Protein backbone atom coordinates (compact mmCIF):
# COMPACT_ATOMS: atom_id res chain seq x y z
CA MET A 1 114.00 71.67 120.84
CA ASN A 2 116.46 69.02 121.32
CA GLU A 3 118.59 67.99 118.29
CA GLN A 4 118.31 64.49 117.19
CA PRO A 5 121.46 62.39 117.59
CA ASN A 6 123.52 61.94 114.55
CA SER A 7 122.66 58.56 112.96
CA ARG A 8 125.54 58.44 110.53
CA PRO A 9 127.99 55.58 110.98
CA LEU A 10 131.15 56.41 112.89
CA GLU A 11 133.41 55.97 109.84
CA ASP A 12 131.12 58.63 107.98
CA ARG A 13 131.51 61.07 110.75
CA ILE A 14 135.31 60.84 110.47
CA GLY A 15 135.50 61.05 106.61
CA PRO A 16 133.02 61.98 103.82
CA ALA A 17 129.61 60.37 103.83
CA GLU A 18 129.46 57.43 101.43
CA VAL A 19 127.31 57.95 98.47
CA ASP A 20 126.28 54.93 96.43
CA MET A 21 124.75 54.70 93.06
CA VAL A 22 121.30 54.21 94.50
CA SER A 23 121.61 57.63 96.24
CA VAL A 24 122.89 59.22 93.07
CA GLY A 25 119.89 57.84 91.08
CA LEU A 26 117.36 58.83 93.77
CA GLY A 27 118.88 62.32 94.21
CA THR A 28 118.85 62.86 90.44
CA LEU A 29 115.26 61.79 90.23
CA ALA A 30 114.35 64.12 93.02
CA GLY A 31 116.02 66.94 91.25
CA ILE A 32 114.06 66.19 88.05
CA ILE A 33 110.84 66.04 89.90
CA ALA A 34 111.55 69.23 91.73
CA GLY A 35 112.53 70.90 88.45
CA PHE A 36 109.32 69.65 86.77
CA PHE A 37 107.20 71.30 89.46
CA GLY A 38 108.88 74.66 89.02
CA GLY A 39 108.81 74.31 85.19
CA LEU A 40 105.17 73.43 85.19
CA LEU A 41 104.36 76.51 87.20
CA SER A 42 106.38 78.79 84.85
CA PHE A 43 104.79 77.14 81.78
CA VAL A 44 101.22 77.40 82.98
CA ALA A 45 101.64 81.00 84.40
CA SER A 46 103.41 82.21 81.34
CA TYR A 47 100.75 80.99 78.81
CA VAL A 48 97.66 81.52 80.93
CA PHE A 49 98.43 84.70 82.86
CA VAL A 50 101.42 86.45 81.32
CA GLY A 51 100.32 85.66 77.82
CA MET A 52 97.23 87.73 78.27
CA THR A 53 99.22 90.83 79.15
CA LYS A 54 101.94 90.42 76.53
CA MET A 55 100.46 93.12 74.22
CA ALA A 56 99.34 95.36 77.08
CA GLY A 57 102.53 97.29 77.21
CA THR A 58 106.23 97.07 76.56
CA GLY A 59 107.21 96.80 80.15
CA VAL A 60 104.38 94.63 81.45
CA TYR A 61 105.32 91.27 80.03
CA PRO A 62 108.94 91.30 80.99
CA TYR A 63 108.20 92.21 84.52
CA LEU A 64 105.54 89.50 84.90
CA LEU A 65 107.80 87.06 83.35
CA SER A 66 110.42 87.98 85.98
CA LEU A 67 107.85 87.27 88.67
CA VAL A 68 106.98 83.91 87.10
CA ALA A 69 110.67 83.02 87.12
CA PHE A 70 110.98 83.96 90.76
CA PHE A 71 108.11 81.81 91.96
CA SER A 72 109.20 78.97 89.71
CA ILE A 73 112.74 79.05 91.14
CA VAL A 74 111.50 79.20 94.77
CA LEU A 75 109.11 76.28 94.26
CA SER A 76 111.73 74.24 92.43
CA VAL A 77 114.53 74.77 94.96
CA SER A 78 112.30 74.42 97.98
CA THR A 79 110.93 71.14 96.65
CA TYR A 80 114.35 69.96 95.91
CA PHE A 81 115.42 70.78 99.55
CA VAL A 82 112.51 68.86 100.92
CA PHE A 83 113.57 65.80 98.75
CA MET A 84 117.21 66.13 99.84
CA ARG A 85 116.24 66.16 103.47
CA MET A 86 114.31 62.97 102.99
CA LEU A 87 117.16 61.28 101.19
CA PHE A 88 120.11 62.66 103.17
CA PRO A 89 118.71 63.58 106.56
CA ASP A 90 122.07 63.70 108.31
CA LYS A 91 123.39 66.29 105.84
CA TYR A 92 120.45 68.60 105.38
CA ARG A 93 119.30 69.09 108.92
CA GLY A 94 118.40 72.75 109.48
CA ALA A 95 115.01 73.16 107.68
CA GLY A 96 114.40 76.67 108.89
CA LEU A 97 117.96 77.84 108.04
CA GLY A 98 117.79 76.11 104.63
CA PHE A 99 114.41 77.59 103.57
CA GLY A 100 115.38 81.02 104.89
CA GLN A 101 118.58 81.19 102.93
CA ILE A 102 116.84 79.89 99.80
CA LEU A 103 114.26 82.64 99.99
CA LEU A 104 116.86 85.35 100.78
CA PHE A 105 118.99 84.30 97.83
CA CYS A 106 116.03 84.10 95.43
CA ILE A 107 114.90 87.65 96.39
CA PHE A 108 118.37 89.01 95.99
CA SER A 109 118.93 87.53 92.62
CA TYR A 110 115.47 88.58 91.49
CA ALA A 111 116.23 92.23 92.51
CA CYS A 112 119.47 92.08 90.51
CA VAL A 113 117.99 90.61 87.38
CA THR A 114 114.69 92.44 87.09
CA PRO A 115 116.29 95.57 85.50
CA LEU A 116 117.76 93.21 82.94
CA TYR A 117 114.33 91.91 82.10
CA LEU A 118 112.91 95.44 81.58
CA ALA A 119 115.89 96.60 79.44
CA VAL A 120 115.80 93.60 77.17
CA GLY A 121 111.99 93.94 77.01
CA VAL A 122 112.41 97.36 75.42
CA ILE A 123 115.61 96.95 73.44
CA ALA A 124 115.26 93.33 72.11
CA PRO A 125 111.94 91.71 73.13
CA ASP A 126 112.61 88.62 71.10
CA GLN A 127 115.50 87.72 73.43
CA ILE A 128 113.45 87.83 76.66
CA LEU A 129 113.49 84.14 77.03
CA LEU A 130 117.30 84.09 77.09
CA VAL A 131 117.13 86.43 80.06
CA PHE A 132 114.62 84.01 81.63
CA ALA A 133 117.02 81.13 80.96
CA VAL A 134 119.91 82.91 82.45
CA HIS A 135 117.88 83.93 85.48
CA VAL A 136 116.73 80.38 86.23
CA THR A 137 120.13 78.85 85.68
CA LEU A 138 122.02 81.24 87.93
CA SER A 139 119.44 81.38 90.59
CA VAL A 140 119.02 77.57 90.91
CA PHE A 141 122.81 77.22 90.95
CA GLY A 142 123.19 79.93 93.51
CA ALA A 143 120.39 78.58 95.77
CA SER A 144 121.82 75.01 95.49
CA LEU A 145 125.27 76.29 96.40
CA VAL A 146 123.88 78.13 99.47
CA LEU A 147 122.11 74.96 100.57
CA GLU A 148 125.46 73.12 100.26
CA ILE A 149 127.28 75.69 102.23
CA VAL A 150 124.87 75.88 105.18
CA SER A 151 124.34 72.17 105.26
CA ASN A 152 127.90 70.67 105.33
CA TYR A 153 130.46 72.81 107.11
CA ARG A 154 133.40 70.36 107.01
CA TYR A 155 132.98 69.24 103.43
CA VAL A 156 131.39 72.38 102.09
CA LEU A 157 134.04 72.52 99.26
CA LEU A 158 133.02 69.11 98.18
CA GLY A 159 129.48 70.43 97.40
CA VAL A 160 130.86 73.67 95.95
CA TYR A 161 133.16 71.85 93.42
CA GLY A 162 130.46 69.40 92.56
CA SER A 163 127.95 72.15 92.02
CA PHE A 164 130.28 74.03 89.74
CA LEU A 165 130.87 70.89 87.66
CA GLY A 166 127.02 70.39 87.53
CA LEU A 167 126.50 73.98 86.46
CA PHE A 168 129.06 73.57 83.66
CA ALA A 169 127.52 70.29 82.36
CA SER A 170 124.01 71.75 82.47
CA VAL A 171 124.86 75.02 80.82
CA VAL A 172 126.73 73.16 78.00
CA ILE A 173 123.59 70.86 77.48
CA THR A 174 121.27 73.89 77.58
CA ALA A 175 123.29 75.93 75.19
CA VAL A 176 123.61 73.14 72.61
CA TYR A 177 119.87 72.69 72.70
CA PHE A 178 118.93 76.40 73.00
CA PHE A 179 120.86 77.58 69.93
CA SER A 180 120.06 74.53 67.70
CA ALA A 181 116.34 74.07 68.38
CA PRO A 182 113.49 76.06 66.56
CA GLU A 183 112.16 79.03 68.39
CA SER A 184 108.85 77.39 69.26
CA SER A 185 110.73 74.51 70.94
CA ARG A 186 113.05 77.06 72.59
CA ALA A 187 110.10 78.70 74.36
CA ILE A 188 108.71 75.42 75.66
CA TYR A 189 112.17 74.29 76.76
CA SER A 190 112.96 77.48 78.57
CA LEU A 191 109.80 77.47 80.56
CA LEU A 192 109.12 73.85 81.12
CA GLY A 193 112.36 71.84 80.54
CA LEU A 194 115.04 74.23 81.68
CA PRO A 195 114.47 73.77 85.46
CA VAL A 196 114.27 69.97 84.96
CA ALA A 197 117.61 70.04 83.07
CA ILE A 198 119.37 72.37 85.33
CA ILE A 199 118.54 70.82 88.65
CA GLY A 200 118.59 67.16 87.39
CA VAL A 201 121.98 67.46 85.67
CA MET A 202 123.47 69.58 88.39
CA THR A 203 122.34 66.98 91.06
CA LEU A 204 123.67 64.06 89.09
CA VAL A 205 127.02 65.51 88.49
CA ARG A 206 127.46 66.72 92.04
CA LEU A 207 126.38 63.37 93.63
CA LEU A 208 128.67 61.54 91.19
CA PHE A 209 131.56 63.79 92.20
CA GLU A 210 130.84 63.08 95.84
CA ALA A 211 130.51 59.37 95.20
CA VAL A 212 133.86 59.22 93.47
CA TYR A 213 135.47 61.35 96.28
CA SER A 214 134.08 59.06 99.09
CA PHE A 215 135.10 55.96 97.03
CA LEU A 216 138.70 57.26 96.68
CA TYR A 217 138.76 58.18 100.34
CA ARG A 218 137.77 54.66 101.38
CA GLN A 219 140.24 53.04 98.90
CA ILE A 220 143.30 55.32 99.36
CA GLY A 221 142.57 57.18 102.68
CA ILE A 222 143.36 60.63 101.20
CA ASP A 223 141.02 63.37 102.34
CA PRO A 224 142.40 66.77 101.07
CA ILE A 225 139.14 68.65 101.59
CA GLY A 226 138.06 67.31 104.99
CA ASP A 227 140.61 69.07 107.12
CA ILE A 228 140.94 72.36 105.17
CA PHE A 229 138.71 74.34 107.53
CA ALA A 230 140.50 72.89 110.51
CA ARG A 231 143.75 74.14 109.02
CA ILE A 232 142.10 77.62 108.42
CA GLU A 233 140.75 77.69 111.83
CA GLU A 234 144.10 76.77 113.33
CA GLU A 235 145.84 79.51 111.43
CA GLU A 236 143.19 82.10 112.51
CA LEU A 237 143.61 81.09 116.14
CA GLY A 238 147.40 81.40 115.77
CA ASP A 239 147.03 84.91 114.39
CA VAL A 240 144.73 85.76 117.37
CA ARG A 241 147.12 84.39 119.91
CA ARG A 242 150.04 86.32 118.33
CA ALA A 243 148.03 89.49 118.29
CA GLU A 244 147.15 89.03 122.00
CA ARG A 245 150.77 88.39 122.84
CA GLU A 246 151.76 91.58 121.05
CA LEU A 247 149.15 93.59 122.86
CA VAL A 248 150.17 92.20 126.20
CA ARG A 249 153.90 92.98 125.37
CA PHE A 250 152.98 96.53 124.20
CA GLY A 251 150.86 97.16 127.33
CA LYS A 252 153.79 96.09 129.60
CA LYS A 253 156.15 98.47 127.66
CA GLU A 254 153.81 101.38 128.24
CA GLU A 255 153.57 100.47 131.95
CA ASP A 256 157.34 100.27 132.23
CA GLY A 257 157.61 103.62 130.42
CA LEU A 258 155.41 105.26 132.98
């Protein structure tokens, strides 16, 4: 399949893509909607299906809750990726690669966190929703980070820095609410509101960071992130060339010795 030509303006191909406030607002709304879909799935599944098995055994409920979290995360991040491809088609181009990496990361994170669900379900079952919140937060952050890495090679650090700032902001908001709200509200927030808050806040902060960076680039002309991989690649090529010269010199010495 032939790739579509890049439709970005020439100045955006040289420097960072311009992100305006409309894009920030639409991207944040897309993140909120994507998080709502995942949160709605986890809320309904937990109370309709998982809730019926809560008393069936000590390990059944935590395990099923981990499955609910897994499918909720996959739905949220996949929907988020679809929306981002619609809003920023020049950046998020590889659909197959993006979805594949999302699924791979979600499976990896699920395999790592499932033993924690089972252990907490036995030792401190009243803290199981805290494990759920940590699972959702870290998995959504990790999947979003993977998307930024595979979508924008030259300005990948811009997405990484913005995602970390968004993670910090969303964790602070979640922690303040989680430890101050009553237990009943905590349960509803963890299942329904957490994906909305995490994806929405993370997207808002990341896009604002990218908007500020692109604005400063156009006003000042400084782009400390844009050429970092070019410098790394140049250094790597220099090391390879030096190694090749050393091998050639070593080979000539051996031939002379013979």
